[in-house]
Amino acid sequence: MQSVKKFAAGGGLVLGICNGFQILAEAGLLPGALMRNSGLKFICKQVHLRTETTDTPFTSQLATGDVLQVPIAHMEGNYFCTPEELRQLEAEDRIVFRYGDRAGRDHA
């Protein structure tokens, strides 16, 4: 993991999906942690993600607000960070997608 940390510290692009996202959080490359889903149930379904930024190589062909439908399958997919950490992530434009409905509206 040290080589990934060194790569990221040097400006390298790192993408963590599913367990990869969890590993990035556990390694300290992302603030916060992933917690068990509410109800302690495994979730496997299609969800909608609203594009928050297009300033990445992974989202540069999308428009802000575009909605993608993607599959999820996880037991520990409840991301948590402090309000301060969230403000920092937003200020650094590091929130790439947010869960929403098919029209892109936030979940309540």
N, C-alpha and C. Protein backbone atom coordinates (compact mmCIF):
# COMPACT_ATOMS: atom_id res chain seq x y z
N MET A 1 0.82 -1.19 0.00
CA MET A 1 0.00 0.00 0.00
C MET A 1 0.87 1.26 0.00
N GLN A 2 2.09 1.13 0.50
CA GLN A 2 2.98 2.30 0.54
C GLN A 2 3.24 2.84 -0.86
N SER A 3 3.35 1.96 -1.85
CA SER A 3 3.60 2.44 -3.21
C SER A 3 2.39 3.19 -3.76
N VAL A 4 1.18 2.78 -3.39
CA VAL A 4 -0.03 3.49 -3.81
C VAL A 4 -0.08 4.86 -3.14
N LYS A 5 0.25 4.92 -1.85
CA LYS A 5 0.29 6.21 -1.14
C LYS A 5 1.31 7.15 -1.77
N LYS A 6 2.47 6.62 -2.11
CA LYS A 6 3.52 7.43 -2.73
C LYS A 6 3.07 7.92 -4.10
N PHE A 7 2.44 7.04 -4.87
CA PHE A 7 1.93 7.40 -6.19
C PHE A 7 0.89 8.52 -6.07
N ALA A 8 -0.05 8.38 -5.14
CA ALA A 8 -1.09 9.39 -4.95
C ALA A 8 -0.49 10.71 -4.47
N ALA A 9 0.47 10.64 -3.56
CA ALA A 9 1.10 11.86 -3.04
C ALA A 9 1.84 12.61 -4.14
N GLY A 10 2.28 11.88 -5.15
CA GLY A 10 2.98 12.50 -6.28
C GLY A 10 2.03 13.01 -7.36
N GLY A 11 0.74 12.97 -7.09
CA GLY A 11 -0.24 13.47 -8.06
C GLY A 11 -0.85 12.40 -8.94
N GLY A 12 -0.50 11.14 -8.69
CA GLY A 12 -1.05 10.05 -9.49
C GLY A 12 -2.54 9.87 -9.22
N LEU A 13 -3.25 9.44 -10.24
CA LEU A 13 -4.69 9.20 -10.12
C LEU A 13 -4.94 7.83 -9.51
N VAL A 14 -5.80 7.79 -8.49
CA VAL A 14 -6.14 6.54 -7.83
C VAL A 14 -7.66 6.46 -7.80
N LEU A 15 -8.21 5.36 -8.26
CA LEU A 15 -9.65 5.14 -8.27
C LEU A 15 -9.96 3.92 -7.42
N GLY A 16 -10.82 4.09 -6.44
CA GLY A 16 -11.22 2.97 -5.59
C GLY A 16 -12.70 2.70 -5.75
N ILE A 17 -13.04 1.51 -6.19
CA ILE A 17 -14.43 1.10 -6.36
C ILE A 17 -14.69 -0.09 -5.45
N CYS A 18 -15.79 -0.06 -4.75
CA CYS A 18 -16.22 -1.14 -3.86
C CYS A 18 -15.15 -1.39 -2.80
N ASN A 19 -14.58 -2.58 -2.77
CA ASN A 19 -13.56 -2.87 -1.76
C ASN A 19 -12.34 -1.96 -1.92
N GLY A 20 -12.07 -1.53 -3.13
CA GLY A 20 -10.97 -0.60 -3.36
C GLY A 20 -11.19 0.73 -2.67
N PHE A 21 -12.43 1.21 -2.66
CA PHE A 21 -12.78 2.44 -1.95
C PHE A 21 -12.57 2.25 -0.46
N GLN A 22 -13.00 1.10 0.04
CA GLN A 22 -12.85 0.80 1.46
C GLN A 22 -11.37 0.75 1.84
N ILE A 23 -10.56 0.14 1.02
CA ILE A 23 -9.12 0.06 1.29
C ILE A 23 -8.50 1.45 1.30
N LEU A 24 -8.91 2.32 0.36
CA LEU A 24 -8.37 3.69 0.35
C LEU A 24 -8.72 4.43 1.63
N ALA A 25 -9.94 4.22 2.13
CA ALA A 25 -10.33 4.85 3.40
C ALA A 25 -9.53 4.27 4.56
N GLU A 26 -9.41 2.95 4.60
CA GLU A 26 -8.67 2.31 5.70
C GLU A 26 -7.19 2.67 5.68
N ALA A 27 -6.65 2.93 4.49
CA ALA A 27 -5.24 3.29 4.37
C ALA A 27 -5.00 4.77 4.64
N GLY A 28 -6.06 5.55 4.83
CA GLY A 28 -5.92 6.96 5.11
C GLY A 28 -5.81 7.85 3.88
N LEU A 29 -6.01 7.28 2.69
CA LEU A 29 -5.99 8.10 1.48
C LEU A 29 -7.29 8.86 1.30
N LEU A 30 -8.32 8.43 1.97
CA LEU A 30 -9.60 9.15 2.02
C LEU A 30 -9.97 9.29 3.48
N PRO A 31 -10.55 10.43 3.86
CA PRO A 31 -11.02 10.54 5.24
C PRO A 31 -12.27 9.69 5.43
N GLY A 32 -12.61 9.42 6.65
CA GLY A 32 -13.85 8.70 6.93
C GLY A 32 -13.67 7.20 6.95
N ALA A 33 -14.81 6.52 6.95
CA ALA A 33 -14.83 5.07 7.02
C ALA A 33 -16.10 4.53 6.39
N LEU A 34 -16.07 3.27 6.03
CA LEU A 34 -17.28 2.60 5.56
C LEU A 34 -17.85 1.77 6.70
N MET A 35 -19.14 1.92 6.91
CA MET A 35 -19.81 1.21 7.99
C MET A 35 -20.83 0.24 7.38
N ARG A 36 -21.32 -0.65 8.22
CA ARG A 36 -22.33 -1.60 7.78
C ARG A 36 -23.58 -0.88 7.32
N ASN A 37 -24.26 -1.47 6.34
CA ASN A 37 -25.52 -0.92 5.86
C ASN A 37 -26.55 -0.90 6.98
N SER A 38 -27.48 0.04 6.89
CA SER A 38 -28.56 0.05 7.88
C SER A 38 -29.34 -1.25 7.77
N GLY A 39 -29.75 -1.77 8.89
CA GLY A 39 -30.43 -3.06 8.90
C GLY A 39 -29.48 -4.24 8.82
N LEU A 40 -28.19 -3.95 8.72
CA LEU A 40 -27.15 -4.99 8.66
C LEU A 40 -27.44 -6.03 7.58
N LYS A 41 -27.91 -5.56 6.43
CA LYS A 41 -28.25 -6.47 5.33
C LYS A 41 -27.36 -6.22 4.13
N PHE A 42 -27.03 -7.31 3.44
CA PHE A 42 -26.32 -7.22 2.17
C PHE A 42 -27.25 -6.59 1.15
N ILE A 43 -26.75 -5.63 0.39
CA ILE A 43 -27.55 -4.96 -0.62
C ILE A 43 -26.99 -5.26 -2.00
N CYS A 44 -27.85 -5.70 -2.89
CA CYS A 44 -27.48 -5.96 -4.28
C CYS A 44 -28.62 -5.42 -5.14
N LYS A 45 -28.37 -4.30 -5.83
CA LYS A 45 -29.42 -3.68 -6.64
C LYS A 45 -28.82 -2.64 -7.57
N GLN A 46 -29.65 -2.07 -8.42
CA GLN A 46 -29.26 -0.96 -9.28
C GLN A 46 -29.53 0.34 -8.52
N VAL A 47 -28.61 1.29 -8.63
CA VAL A 47 -28.79 2.60 -8.00
C VAL A 47 -28.49 3.69 -9.03
N HIS A 48 -28.88 4.90 -8.70
CA HIS A 48 -28.61 6.05 -9.56
C HIS A 48 -27.57 6.94 -8.88
N LEU A 49 -26.59 7.36 -9.67
CA LEU A 49 -25.55 8.27 -9.20
C LEU A 49 -25.59 9.54 -10.02
N ARG A 50 -25.58 10.68 -9.34
CA ARG A 50 -25.55 11.98 -10.01
C ARG A 50 -24.10 12.44 -10.11
N THR A 51 -23.68 12.84 -11.28
CA THR A 51 -22.33 13.32 -11.50
C THR A 51 -22.16 14.70 -10.85
N GLU A 52 -21.18 14.80 -9.97
CA GLU A 52 -20.92 16.04 -9.25
C GLU A 52 -19.79 16.85 -9.87
N THR A 53 -18.83 16.18 -10.47
CA THR A 53 -17.71 16.89 -11.11
C THR A 53 -17.32 16.16 -12.39
N THR A 54 -16.91 16.94 -13.35
CA THR A 54 -16.43 16.36 -14.62
C THR A 54 -14.94 16.65 -14.79
N ASP A 55 -14.32 17.10 -13.73
CA ASP A 55 -12.90 17.49 -13.78
C ASP A 55 -12.00 16.31 -13.41
N THR A 56 -12.32 15.13 -13.95
CA THR A 56 -11.47 13.96 -13.77
C THR A 56 -11.40 13.22 -15.10
N PRO A 57 -10.35 12.46 -15.33
CA PRO A 57 -10.30 11.66 -16.56
C PRO A 57 -11.44 10.62 -16.62
N PHE A 58 -11.96 10.25 -15.47
CA PHE A 58 -13.01 9.23 -15.42
C PHE A 58 -14.39 9.80 -15.73
N THR A 59 -14.57 11.12 -15.56
CA THR A 59 -15.89 11.73 -15.76
C THR A 59 -15.88 12.86 -16.79
N SER A 60 -14.78 13.05 -17.49
CA SER A 60 -14.66 14.20 -18.38
C SER A 60 -15.63 14.17 -19.55
N GLN A 61 -16.17 13.02 -19.89
CA GLN A 61 -17.13 12.93 -20.99
C GLN A 61 -18.57 13.08 -20.52
N LEU A 62 -18.77 13.28 -19.23
CA LEU A 62 -20.10 13.48 -18.66
C LEU A 62 -20.34 14.96 -18.44
N ALA A 63 -21.58 15.31 -18.15
CA ALA A 63 -21.92 16.68 -17.75
C ALA A 63 -22.29 16.65 -16.28
N THR A 64 -21.97 17.72 -15.57
CA THR A 64 -22.39 17.81 -14.17
C THR A 64 -23.91 17.65 -14.11
N GLY A 65 -24.37 16.77 -13.23
CA GLY A 65 -25.79 16.50 -13.11
C GLY A 65 -26.25 15.27 -13.87
N ASP A 66 -25.40 14.75 -14.79
CA ASP A 66 -25.77 13.51 -15.49
C ASP A 66 -26.01 12.41 -14.47
N VAL A 67 -26.97 11.56 -14.75
CA VAL A 67 -27.31 10.46 -13.84
C VAL A 67 -26.94 9.14 -14.50
N LEU A 68 -26.20 8.33 -13.77
CA LEU A 68 -25.81 7.00 -14.23
C LEU A 68 -26.54 5.96 -13.39
N GLN A 69 -26.93 4.87 -14.03
CA GLN A 69 -27.49 3.74 -13.29
C GLN A 69 -26.40 2.68 -13.22
N VAL A 70 -26.05 2.26 -12.00
CA VAL A 70 -24.97 1.31 -11.81
C VAL A 70 -25.40 0.24 -10.80
N PRO A 71 -24.81 -0.95 -10.90
CA PRO A 71 -25.11 -1.98 -9.90
C PRO A 71 -24.25 -1.80 -8.66
N ILE A 72 -24.81 -2.12 -7.51
CA ILE A 72 -24.03 -2.18 -6.27
C ILE A 72 -24.26 -3.53 -5.63
N ALA A 73 -23.31 -3.97 -4.85
CA ALA A 73 -23.42 -5.22 -4.09
C ALA A 73 -22.44 -5.10 -2.93
N HIS A 74 -22.98 -4.84 -1.73
CA HIS A 74 -22.09 -4.66 -0.59
C HIS A 74 -22.82 -4.82 0.74
N MET A 75 -22.02 -5.07 1.76
CA MET A 75 -22.50 -5.14 3.14
C MET A 75 -22.06 -3.91 3.92
N GLU A 76 -20.90 -3.37 3.53
CA GLU A 76 -20.34 -2.20 4.21
C GLU A 76 -20.20 -1.07 3.19
N GLY A 77 -21.33 -0.50 2.80
CA GLY A 77 -21.32 0.54 1.79
C GLY A 77 -21.81 1.87 2.30
N ASN A 78 -21.87 2.05 3.60
CA ASN A 78 -22.38 3.27 4.20
C ASN A 78 -21.18 4.15 4.56
N TYR A 79 -20.83 5.07 3.67
CA TYR A 79 -19.67 5.93 3.89
C TYR A 79 -20.01 7.00 4.91
N PHE A 80 -19.10 7.21 5.84
CA PHE A 80 -19.27 8.23 6.87
C PHE A 80 -18.00 9.04 7.00
N CYS A 81 -18.17 10.36 7.10
CA CYS A 81 -17.06 11.24 7.46
C CYS A 81 -17.66 12.39 8.26
N THR A 82 -16.81 13.12 8.94
CA THR A 82 -17.29 14.24 9.74
C THR A 82 -17.75 15.37 8.82
N PRO A 83 -18.56 16.27 9.33
CA PRO A 83 -18.96 17.43 8.52
C PRO A 83 -17.76 18.24 8.02
N GLU A 84 -16.72 18.35 8.84
CA GLU A 84 -15.52 19.07 8.43
C GLU A 84 -14.82 18.36 7.27
N GLU A 85 -14.73 17.03 7.38
CA GLU A 85 -14.10 16.26 6.30
C GLU A 85 -14.91 16.38 5.01
N LEU A 86 -16.23 16.37 5.12
CA LEU A 86 -17.08 16.52 3.94
C LEU A 86 -16.88 17.88 3.30
N ARG A 87 -16.82 18.93 4.10
CA ARG A 87 -16.57 20.28 3.56
C ARG A 87 -15.23 20.33 2.83
N GLN A 88 -14.21 19.67 3.39
CA GLN A 88 -12.89 19.66 2.74
C GLN A 88 -12.95 18.90 1.42
N LEU A 89 -13.62 17.74 1.41
CA LEU A 89 -13.76 16.98 0.16
C LEU A 89 -14.49 17.80 -0.90
N GLU A 90 -15.54 18.50 -0.49
CA GLU A 90 -16.29 19.34 -1.43
C GLU A 90 -15.43 20.49 -1.94
N ALA A 91 -14.68 21.13 -1.04
CA ALA A 91 -13.83 22.26 -1.42
C ALA A 91 -12.74 21.83 -2.39
N GLU A 92 -12.26 20.59 -2.26
CA GLU A 92 -11.22 20.06 -3.13
C GLU A 92 -11.80 19.39 -4.37
N ASP A 93 -13.12 19.47 -4.57
CA ASP A 93 -13.80 18.87 -5.72
C ASP A 93 -13.54 17.37 -5.81
N ARG A 94 -13.54 16.69 -4.64
CA ARG A 94 -13.26 15.26 -4.59
C ARG A 94 -14.51 14.41 -4.46
N ILE A 95 -15.69 15.02 -4.47
CA ILE A 95 -16.94 14.27 -4.49
C ILE A 95 -17.30 14.11 -5.97
N VAL A 96 -17.16 12.93 -6.50
CA VAL A 96 -17.37 12.71 -7.93
C VAL A 96 -18.82 12.36 -8.23
N PHE A 97 -19.43 11.52 -7.40
CA PHE A 97 -20.82 11.12 -7.58
C PHE A 97 -21.54 11.18 -6.23
N ARG A 98 -22.85 11.37 -6.29
CA ARG A 98 -23.72 11.26 -5.12
C ARG A 98 -24.89 10.37 -5.50
N TYR A 99 -25.36 9.59 -4.52
CA TYR A 99 -26.56 8.81 -4.74
C TYR A 99 -27.74 9.74 -4.93
N GLY A 100 -28.65 9.34 -5.80
CA GLY A 100 -29.86 10.10 -6.02
C GLY A 100 -30.94 9.21 -6.62
N ASP A 101 -32.01 9.84 -7.05
CA ASP A 101 -33.05 9.08 -7.75
C ASP A 101 -32.77 9.17 -9.25
N ARG A 102 -33.63 8.60 -10.06
CA ARG A 102 -33.36 8.56 -11.50
C ARG A 102 -33.33 9.95 -12.14
N ALA A 103 -33.92 10.94 -11.46
CA ALA A 103 -33.89 12.32 -11.95
C ALA A 103 -32.69 13.08 -11.40
N GLY A 104 -31.90 12.45 -10.52
CA GLY A 104 -30.72 13.09 -9.97
C GLY A 104 -30.96 13.83 -8.67
N ARG A 105 -32.18 13.76 -8.14
CA ARG A 105 -32.46 14.44 -6.86
C ARG A 105 -31.82 13.65 -5.73
N ASP A 106 -31.32 14.37 -4.72
CA ASP A 106 -30.75 13.73 -3.52
C ASP A 106 -31.76 12.83 -2.85
N HIS A 107 -31.24 11.77 -2.25
CA HIS A 107 -32.09 10.95 -1.37
C HIS A 107 -32.30 11.71 -0.08
N ALA A 108 -33.49 11.62 0.46
CA ALA A 108 -33.80 12.33 1.72
C ALA A 108 -33.14 11.64 2.89
